């Protein structure tokens, strides 16, 4: 959750300031917080899905002979690789 709040730091401080300067109604802050929590959970699910996919891949291919250079490239491709290969 803290990582998600760091990503949305500007919005967090904006809603916090608006809540503190307004009346005693914290509904807007609670809505923002719960939506932020939902985004944090979605991000964690995506990360976990990626990690499990990578682990499954290596489990299936553990008996194959792959050198260190090939392992590095495969790990990059299985991650969120964005770039060019030559």
PDB file of N, CA and C in Angstrom:
ATOM      1  N   UNK A   1       0.823  -1.188   0.000  1.00  0.00           N
ATOM      2  CA  UNK A   1       0.000   0.000   0.000  1.00  0.00           C
ATOM      3  C   UNK A   1       0.871   1.257   0.000  1.00  0.00           C
ATOM      4  N   UNK A   2       1.949   1.220   0.762  1.00  0.00           N
ATOM      5  CA  UNK A   2       2.813   2.403   0.831  1.00  0.00           C
ATOM      6  C   UNK A   2       3.442   2.705  -0.526  1.00  0.00           C
ATOM      7  N   UNK A   3       3.769   1.664  -1.297  1.00  0.00           N
ATOM      8  CA  UNK A   3       4.334   1.888  -2.633  1.00  0.00           C
ATOM      9  C   UNK A   3       3.305   2.550  -3.541  1.00  0.00           C
ATOM     10  N   UNK A   4       2.053   2.157  -3.421  1.00  0.00           N
ATOM     11  CA  UNK A   4       1.003   2.753  -4.239  1.00  0.00           C
ATOM     12  C   UNK A   4       0.781   4.215  -3.847  1.00  0.00           C
ATOM     13  N   UNK A   5       0.818   4.501  -2.568  1.00  0.00           N
ATOM     14  CA  UNK A   5       0.657   5.892  -2.127  1.00  0.00           C
ATOM     15  C   UNK A   5       1.829   6.733  -2.618  1.00  0.00           C
ATOM     16  N   UNK A   6       3.040   6.149  -2.622  1.00  0.00           N
ATOM     17  CA  UNK A   6       4.196   6.874  -3.167  1.00  0.00           C
ATOM     18  C   UNK A   6       3.991   7.188  -4.640  1.00  0.00           C
ATOM     19  N   UNK A   7       3.415   6.248  -5.387  1.00  0.00           N
ATOM     20  CA  UNK A   7       3.142   6.489  -6.807  1.00  0.00           C
ATOM     21  C   UNK A   7       2.138   7.619  -6.993  1.00  0.00           C
ATOM     22  N   UNK A   8       1.213   7.717  -6.065  1.00  0.00           N
ATOM     23  CA  UNK A   8       0.132   8.704  -6.166  1.00  0.00           C
ATOM     24  C   UNK A   8       0.291   9.810  -5.127  1.00  0.00           C
ATOM     25  N   UNK A   9       1.521  10.130  -4.824  1.00  0.00           N
ATOM     26  CA  UNK A   9       1.841  11.073  -3.753  1.00  0.00           C
ATOM     27  C   UNK A   9       1.121  12.412  -3.902  1.00  0.00           C
ATOM     28  N   UNK A  10       1.113  12.958  -5.101  1.00  0.00           N
ATOM     29  CA  UNK A  10       0.499  14.270  -5.323  1.00  0.00           C
ATOM     30  C   UNK A  10      -0.999  14.228  -5.015  1.00  0.00           C
ATOM     31  N   UNK A  11      -1.677  13.203  -5.516  1.00  0.00           N
ATOM     32  CA  UNK A  11      -3.116  13.068  -5.253  1.00  0.00           C
ATOM     33  C   UNK A  11      -3.373  12.817  -3.772  1.00  0.00           C
ATOM     34  N   UNK A  12      -2.499  12.046  -3.136  1.00  0.00           N
ATOM     35  CA  UNK A  12      -2.647  11.744  -1.714  1.00  0.00           C
ATOM     36  C   UNK A  12      -2.594  13.027  -0.887  1.00  0.00           C
ATOM     37  N   UNK A  13      -1.577  13.844  -1.137  1.00  0.00           N
ATOM     38  CA  UNK A  13      -1.469  15.078  -0.362  1.00  0.00           C
ATOM     39  C   UNK A  13      -2.591  16.043  -0.704  1.00  0.00           C
ATOM     40  N   UNK A  14      -3.061  16.023  -1.937  1.00  0.00           N
ATOM     41  CA  UNK A  14      -4.179  16.880  -2.322  1.00  0.00           C
ATOM     42  C   UNK A  14      -5.455  16.523  -1.585  1.00  0.00           C
ATOM     43  N   UNK A  15      -5.798  15.248  -1.554  1.00  0.00           N
ATOM     44  CA  UNK A  15      -7.028  14.832  -0.874  1.00  0.00           C
ATOM     45  C   UNK A  15      -6.880  14.978   0.640  1.00  0.00           C
ATOM     46  N   UNK A  16      -5.692  14.743   1.150  1.00  0.00           N
ATOM     47  CA  UNK A  16      -5.457  14.894   2.587  1.00  0.00           C
ATOM     48  C   UNK A  16      -5.619  16.355   2.999  1.00  0.00           C
ATOM     49  N   UNK A  17      -5.055  17.264   2.227  1.00  0.00           N
ATOM     50  CA  UNK A  17      -5.167  18.689   2.537  1.00  0.00           C
ATOM     51  C   UNK A  17      -6.614  19.154   2.432  1.00  0.00           C
ATOM     52  N   UNK A  18      -7.316  18.715   1.387  1.00  0.00           N
ATOM     53  CA  UNK A  18      -8.722  19.098   1.230  1.00  0.00           C
ATOM     54  C   UNK A  18      -9.563  18.590   2.387  1.00  0.00           C
ATOM     55  N   UNK A  19      -9.259  17.402   2.864  1.00  0.00           N
ATOM     56  CA  UNK A  19     -10.007  16.828   3.989  1.00  0.00           C
ATOM     57  C   UNK A  19      -9.716  17.589   5.278  1.00  0.00           C
ATOM     58  N   UNK A  20      -8.474  17.964   5.489  1.00  0.00           N
ATOM     59  CA  UNK A  20      -8.106  18.667   6.717  1.00  0.00           C
ATOM     60  C   UNK A  20      -8.661  20.085   6.753  1.00  0.00           C
ATOM     61  N   UNK A  21      -8.753  20.722   5.584  1.00  0.00           N
ATOM     62  CA  UNK A  21      -9.215  22.112   5.541  1.00  0.00           C
ATOM     63  C   UNK A  21     -10.734  22.213   5.429  1.00  0.00           C
ATOM     64  N   UNK A  22     -11.382  21.112   5.098  1.00  0.00           N
ATOM     65  CA  UNK A  22     -12.834  21.131   4.964  1.00  0.00           C
ATOM     66  C   UNK A  22     -13.520  20.904   6.294  1.00  0.00           C
ATOM     67  N   UNK A  23     -14.800  20.529   6.201  1.00  0.00           N
ATOM     68  CA  UNK A  23     -15.532  20.206   7.425  1.00  0.00           C
ATOM     69  C   UNK A  23     -15.063  18.841   7.931  1.00  0.00           C
ATOM     70  N   UNK A  24     -15.747  18.266   8.849  1.00  0.00           N
ATOM     71  CA  UNK A  24     -15.296  17.002   9.449  1.00  0.00           C
ATOM     72  C   UNK A  24     -15.685  15.765   8.636  1.00  0.00           C
ATOM     73  N   UNK A  25     -16.174  15.953   7.405  1.00  0.00           N
ATOM     74  CA  UNK A  25     -16.570  14.827   6.544  1.00  0.00           C
ATOM     75  C   UNK A  25     -15.319  14.241   5.875  1.00  0.00           C
ATOM     76  N   UNK A  26     -15.053  12.973   6.151  1.00  0.00           N
ATOM     77  CA  UNK A  26     -13.862  12.326   5.577  1.00  0.00           C
ATOM     78  C   UNK A  26     -14.234  11.339   4.466  1.00  0.00           C
ATOM     79  N   UNK A  27     -15.450  11.443   3.958  1.00  0.00           N
ATOM     80  CA  UNK A  27     -15.931  10.510   2.944  1.00  0.00           C
ATOM     81  C   UNK A  27     -15.045  10.513   1.704  1.00  0.00           C
ATOM     82  N   UNK A  28     -14.693  11.695   1.211  1.00  0.00           N
ATOM     83  CA  UNK A  28     -13.853  11.773  -0.001  1.00  0.00           C
ATOM     84  C   UNK A  28     -12.500  11.112   0.224  1.00  0.00           C
ATOM     85  N   UNK A  29     -11.905  11.340   1.401  1.00  0.00           N
ATOM     86  CA  UNK A  29     -10.615  10.728   1.699  1.00  0.00           C
ATOM     87  C   UNK A  29     -10.739   9.208   1.783  1.00  0.00           C
ATOM     88  N   UNK A  30     -11.799   8.724   2.429  1.00  0.00           N
ATOM     89  CA  UNK A  30     -12.008   7.283   2.531  1.00  0.00           C
ATOM     90  C   UNK A  30     -12.208   6.655   1.153  1.00  0.00           C
ATOM     91  N   UNK A  31     -12.967   7.308   0.294  1.00  0.00           N
ATOM     92  CA  UNK A  31     -13.166   6.798  -1.066  1.00  0.00           C
ATOM     93  C   UNK A  31     -11.837   6.738  -1.806  1.00  0.00           C
ATOM     94  N   UNK A  32     -11.044   7.805  -1.704  1.00  0.00           N
ATOM     95  CA  UNK A  32      -9.739   7.813  -2.376  1.00  0.00           C
ATOM     96  C   UNK A  32      -8.860   6.695  -1.832  1.00  0.00           C
ATOM     97  N   UNK A  33      -8.839   6.542  -0.514  1.00  0.00           N
ATOM     98  CA  UNK A  33      -8.009   5.528   0.116  1.00  0.00           C
ATOM     99  C   UNK A  33      -8.411   4.129  -0.326  1.00  0.00           C
ATOM    100  N   UNK A  34      -9.701   3.836  -0.356  1.00  0.00           N
ATOM    101  CA  UNK A  34     -10.168   2.511  -0.758  1.00  0.00           C
ATOM    102  C   UNK A  34      -9.877   2.238  -2.229  1.00  0.00           C
ATOM    103  N   UNK A  35     -10.003   3.262  -3.067  1.00  0.00           N
ATOM    104  CA  UNK A  35      -9.660   3.095  -4.481  1.00  0.00           C
ATOM    105  C   UNK A  35      -8.156   2.875  -4.651  1.00  0.00           C
ATOM    106  N   UNK A  36      -7.371   3.569  -3.858  1.00  0.00           N
ATOM    107  CA  UNK A  36      -5.918   3.381  -3.881  1.00  0.00           C
ATOM    108  C   UNK A  36      -5.564   1.972  -3.416  1.00  0.00           C
ATOM    109  N   UNK A  37      -6.241   1.495  -2.389  1.00  0.00           N
ATOM    110  CA  UNK A  37      -6.029   0.134  -1.914  1.00  0.00           C
ATOM    111  C   UNK A  37      -6.362  -0.880  -3.007  1.00  0.00           C
ATOM    112  N   UNK A  38      -7.443  -0.647  -3.722  1.00  0.00           N
ATOM    113  CA  UNK A  38      -7.812  -1.541  -4.824  1.00  0.00           C
ATOM    114  C   UNK A  38      -6.729  -1.557  -5.904  1.00  0.00           C
ATOM    115  N   UNK A  39      -6.197  -0.387  -6.245  1.00  0.00           N
ATOM    116  CA  UNK A  39      -5.119  -0.328  -7.244  1.00  0.00           C
ATOM    117  C   UNK A  39      -3.857  -1.030  -6.734  1.00  0.00           C
ATOM    118  N   UNK A  40      -3.577  -0.911  -5.449  1.00  0.00           N
ATOM    119  CA  UNK A  40      -2.416  -1.589  -4.862  1.00  0.00           C
ATOM    120  C   UNK A  40      -2.587  -3.103  -4.934  1.00  0.00           C
ATOM    121  N   UNK A  41      -3.784  -3.583  -4.648  1.00  0.00           N
ATOM    122  CA  UNK A  41      -4.052  -5.022  -4.715  1.00  0.00           C
ATOM    123  C   UNK A  41      -3.939  -5.518  -6.143  1.00  0.00           C
ATOM    124  N   UNK A  42      -4.461  -4.769  -7.099  1.00  0.00           N
ATOM    125  CA  UNK A  42      -4.353  -5.152  -8.508  1.00  0.00           C
ATOM    126  C   UNK A  42      -2.888  -5.213  -8.939  1.00  0.00           C
ATOM    127  N   UNK A  43      -2.103  -4.233  -8.518  1.00  0.00           N
ATOM    128  CA  UNK A  43      -0.681  -4.235  -8.846  1.00  0.00           C
ATOM    129  C   UNK A  43       0.042  -5.430  -8.244  1.00  0.00           C
ATOM    130  N   UNK A  44      -0.309  -5.770  -7.009  1.00  0.00           N
ATOM    131  CA  UNK A  44       0.305  -6.925  -6.353  1.00  0.00           C
ATOM    132  C   UNK A  44      -0.087  -8.220  -7.068  1.00  0.00           C
ATOM    133  N   UNK A  45      -1.335  -8.305  -7.509  1.00  0.00           N
ATOM    134  CA  UNK A  45      -1.783  -9.498  -8.242  1.00  0.00           C
ATOM    135  C   UNK A  45      -1.025  -9.646  -9.558  1.00  0.00           C
ATOM    136  N   UNK A  46      -0.818  -8.533 -10.268  1.00  0.00           N
ATOM    137  CA  UNK A  46      -0.073  -8.580 -11.529  1.00  0.00           C
ATOM    138  C   UNK A  46       1.365  -9.019 -11.290  1.00  0.00           C
ATOM    139  N   UNK A  47       1.984  -8.490 -10.247  1.00  0.00           N
ATOM    140  CA  UNK A  47       3.358  -8.863  -9.921  1.00  0.00           C
ATOM    141  C   UNK A  47       3.445 -10.339  -9.563  1.00  0.00           C
ATOM    142  N   UNK A  48       2.522 -10.804  -8.742  1.00  0.00           N
ATOM    143  CA  UNK A  48       2.508 -12.204  -8.335  1.00  0.00           C
ATOM    144  C   UNK A  48       2.287 -13.117  -9.539  1.00  0.00           C
ATOM    145  N   UNK A  49       1.392 -12.723 -10.430  1.00  0.00           N
ATOM    146  CA  UNK A  49       1.140 -13.519 -11.636  1.00  0.00           C
ATOM    147  C   UNK A  49       2.402 -13.648 -12.474  1.00  0.00           C
ATOM    148  N   UNK A  50       3.139 -12.571 -12.609  1.00  0.00           N
ATOM    149  CA  UNK A  50       4.384 -12.585 -13.368  1.00  0.00           C
ATOM    150  C   UNK A  50       5.429 -13.487 -12.718  1.00  0.00           C
ATOM    151  N   UNK A  51       5.563 -13.394 -11.417  1.00  0.00           N
ATOM    152  CA  UNK A  51       6.537 -14.211 -10.684  1.00  0.00           C
ATOM    153  C   UNK A  51       6.187 -15.691 -10.795  1.00  0.00           C
ATOM    154  N   UNK A  52       4.907 -16.015 -10.637  1.00  0.00           N
ATOM    155  CA  UNK A  52       4.488 -17.416 -10.728  1.00  0.00           C
ATOM    156  C   UNK A  52       4.663 -17.973 -12.135  1.00  0.00           C
ATOM    157  N   UNK A  53       4.411 -17.150 -13.146  1.00  0.00           N
ATOM    158  CA  UNK A  53       4.613 -17.587 -14.526  1.00  0.00           C
ATOM    159  C   UNK A  53       6.078 -17.919 -14.766  1.00  0.00           C
ATOM    160  N   UNK A  54       6.951 -17.042 -14.285  1.00  0.00           N
ATOM    161  CA  UNK A  54       8.390 -17.250 -14.436  1.00  0.00           C
ATOM    162  C   UNK A  54       8.839 -18.516 -13.703  1.00  0.00           C
ATOM    163  N   UNK A  55       8.349 -18.708 -12.488  1.00  0.00           N
ATOM    164  CA  UNK A  55       8.701 -19.902 -11.716  1.00  0.00           C
ATOM    165  C   UNK A  55       8.213 -21.167 -12.408  1.00  0.00           C
ATOM    166  N   UNK A  56       6.997 -21.130 -12.950  1.00  0.00           N
ATOM    167  CA  UNK A  56       6.460 -22.284 -13.676  1.00  0.00           C
ATOM    168  C   UNK A  56       7.301 -22.588 -14.914  1.00  0.00           C
ATOM    169  N   UNK A  57       7.698 -21.533 -15.617  1.00  0.00           N
ATOM    170  CA  UNK A  57       8.526 -21.718 -16.810  1.00  0.00           C
ATOM    171  C   UNK A  57       9.814 -22.446 -16.458  1.00  0.00           C
ATOM    172  N   UNK A  58      10.503 -21.965 -15.425  1.00  0.00           N
ATOM    173  CA  UNK A  58      11.782 -22.579 -15.052  1.00  0.00           C
ATOM    174  C   UNK A  58      11.590 -23.985 -14.492  1.00  0.00           C
ATOM    175  N   UNK A  59      10.473 -24.252 -13.859  1.00  0.00           N
ATOM    176  CA  UNK A  59      10.186 -25.593 -13.357  1.00  0.00           C
ATOM    177  C   UNK A  59      10.013 -26.565 -14.526  1.00  0.00           C
ATOM    178  N   UNK A  60       9.302 -26.142 -15.551  1.00  0.00           N
ATOM    179  CA  UNK A  60       9.076 -26.999 -16.724  1.00  0.00           C
ATOM    180  C   UNK A  60      10.380 -27.244 -17.479  1.00  0.00           C
ATOM    181  N   UNK A  61      11.243 -26.239 -17.541  1.00  0.00           N
ATOM    182  CA  UNK A  61      12.461 -26.325 -18.340  1.00  0.00           C
ATOM    183  C   UNK A  61      13.721 -26.584 -17.515  1.00  0.00           C
ATOM    184  N   UNK A  62      13.574 -27.051 -16.300  1.00  0.00           N
ATOM    185  CA  UNK A  62      14.740 -27.248 -15.435  1.00  0.00           C
ATOM    186  C   UNK A  62      15.689 -28.329 -15.942  1.00  0.00           C
ATOM    187  N   UNK A  63      15.193 -29.272 -16.725  1.00  0.00           N
ATOM    188  CA  UNK A  63      16.045 -30.363 -17.204  1.00  0.00           C
ATOM    189  C   UNK A  63      16.787 -30.005 -18.497  1.00  0.00           C
ATOM    190  N   UNK A  64      16.444 -28.886 -19.089  1.00  0.00           N
ATOM    191  CA  UNK A  64      17.099 -28.482 -20.335  1.00  0.00           C
ATOM    192  C   UNK A  64      18.429 -27.794 -20.022  1.00  0.00           C
ATOM    193  N   UNK A  65      19.377 -27.976 -20.910  1.00  0.00           N
ATOM    194  CA  UNK A  65      20.690 -27.360 -20.735  1.00  0.00           C
ATOM    195  C   UNK A  65      20.626 -25.952 -21.318  1.00  0.00           C
ATOM    196  N   UNK A  66      20.718 -24.978 -20.435  1.00  0.00           N
ATOM    197  CA  UNK A  66      20.674 -23.573 -20.836  1.00  0.00           C
ATOM    198  C   UNK A  66      21.853 -22.879 -20.168  1.00  0.00           C
ATOM    199  N   UNK A  67      22.675 -22.194 -20.970  1.00  0.00           N
ATOM    200  CA  UNK A  67      23.828 -21.522 -20.370  1.00  0.00           C
ATOM    201  C   UNK A  67      23.390 -20.211 -19.694  1.00  0.00           C
ATOM    202  N   UNK A  68      24.299 -19.603 -18.975  1.00  0.00           N
ATOM    203  CA  UNK A  68      23.987 -18.419 -18.177  1.00  0.00           C
ATOM    204  C   UNK A  68      23.506 -17.265 -19.050  1.00  0.00           C
ATOM    205  N   UNK A  69      24.109 -17.088 -20.198  1.00  0.00           N
ATOM    206  CA  UNK A  69      23.713 -16.003 -21.102  1.00  0.00           C
ATOM    207  C   UNK A  69      22.271 -16.212 -21.574  1.00  0.00           C
ATOM    208  N   UNK A  70      21.925 -17.445 -21.923  1.00  0.00           N
ATOM    209  CA  UNK A  70      20.568 -17.750 -22.348  1.00  0.00           C
ATOM    210  C   UNK A  70      19.580 -17.537 -21.197  1.00  0.00           C
ATOM    211  N   UNK A  71      19.972 -17.930 -19.997  1.00  0.00           N
ATOM    212  CA  UNK A  71      19.114 -17.722 -18.832  1.00  0.00           C
ATOM    213  C   UNK A  71      18.836 -16.236 -18.608  1.00  0.00           C
ATOM    214  N   UNK A  72      19.870 -15.422 -18.760  1.00  0.00           N
ATOM    215  CA  UNK A  72      19.700 -13.980 -18.574  1.00  0.00           C
ATOM    216  C   UNK A  72      18.711 -13.403 -19.582  1.00  0.00           C
ATOM    217  N   UNK A  73      18.844 -13.801 -20.845  1.00  0.00           N
ATOM    218  CA  UNK A  73      17.933 -13.303 -21.886  1.00  0.00           C
ATOM    219  C   UNK A  73      16.508 -13.778 -21.623  1.00  0.00           C
ATOM    220  N   UNK A  74      16.345 -15.038 -21.281  1.00  0.00           N
ATOM    221  CA  UNK A  74      15.006 -15.577 -21.009  1.00  0.00           C
ATOM    222  C   UNK A  74      14.376 -14.849 -19.818  1.00  0.00           C
ATOM    223  N   UNK A  75      15.162 -14.607 -18.778  1.00  0.00           N
ATOM    224  CA  UNK A  75      14.634 -13.869 -17.619  1.00  0.00           C
ATOM    225  C   UNK A  75      14.198 -12.462 -18.011  1.00  0.00           C
ATOM    226  N   UNK A  76      14.954 -11.815 -18.873  1.00  0.00           N
ATOM    227  CA  UNK A  76      14.555 -10.480 -19.337  1.00  0.00           C
ATOM    228  C   UNK A  76      13.261 -10.541 -20.136  1.00  0.00           C
ATOM    229  N   UNK A  77      13.164 -11.539 -21.002  1.00  0.00           N
ATOM    230  CA  UNK A  77      11.964 -11.669 -21.825  1.00  0.00           C
ATOM    231  C   UNK A  77      10.740 -12.035 -20.984  1.00  0.00           C
ATOM    232  N   UNK A  78      10.945 -12.813 -19.938  1.00  0.00           N
ATOM    233  CA  UNK A  78       9.835 -13.198 -19.073  1.00  0.00           C
ATOM    234  C   UNK A  78       9.421 -12.046 -18.158  1.00  0.00           C
ATOM    235  N   UNK A  79      10.316 -11.102 -17.941  1.00  0.00           N
ATOM    236  CA  UNK A  79       9.985  -9.919 -17.143  1.00  0.00           C
ATOM    237  C   UNK A  79       9.255  -8.923 -18.027  1.00  0.00           C
ATOM    238  N   UNK A  80       9.256  -7.693 -17.614  1.00  0.00           N
ATOM    239  CA  UNK A  80       8.611  -6.666 -18.429  1.00  0.00           C
ATOM    240  C   UNK A  80       9.653  -5.965 -19.304  1.00  0.00           C
ATOM    241  N   UNK A  81      10.287  -6.768 -20.160  1.00  0.00           N
ATOM    242  CA  UNK A  81      11.341  -6.285 -21.049  1.00  0.00           C
ATOM    243  C   UNK A  81      10.759  -5.374 -22.117  1.00  0.00           C
ATOM    244  N   UNK A  82      11.365  -4.206 -22.253  1.00  0.00           N
ATOM    245  CA  UNK A  82      10.998  -3.283 -23.328  1.00  0.00           C
ATOM    246  C   UNK A  82      12.309  -2.807 -23.928  1.00  0.00           C
ATOM    247  N   UNK A  83      12.552  -3.215 -25.138  1.00  0.00           N
ATOM    248  CA  UNK A  83      13.804  -2.816 -25.771  1.00  0.00           C
ATOM    249  C   UNK A  83      14.055  -3.606 -27.027  1.00  0.00           C
ATOM    250  N   UNK A  84      15.262  -3.526 -27.485  1.00  0.00           N
ATOM    251  CA  UNK A  84      15.661  -4.201 -28.714  1.00  0.00           C
ATOM    252  C   UNK A  84      16.688  -5.264 -28.412  1.00  0.00           C
ATOM    253  N   UNK A  85      16.630  -6.331 -29.147  1.00  0.00           N
ATOM    254  CA  UNK A  85      17.641  -7.370 -29.052  1.00  0.00           C
ATOM    255  C   UNK A  85      18.400  -7.411 -30.369  1.00  0.00           C
ATOM    256  N   UNK A  86      19.694  -7.582 -30.266  1.00  0.00           N
ATOM    257  CA  UNK A  86      20.502  -7.697 -31.491  1.00  0.00           C
ATOM    258  C   UNK A  86      21.204  -9.025 -31.497  1.00  0.00           C
TER     259      UNK A  86
END
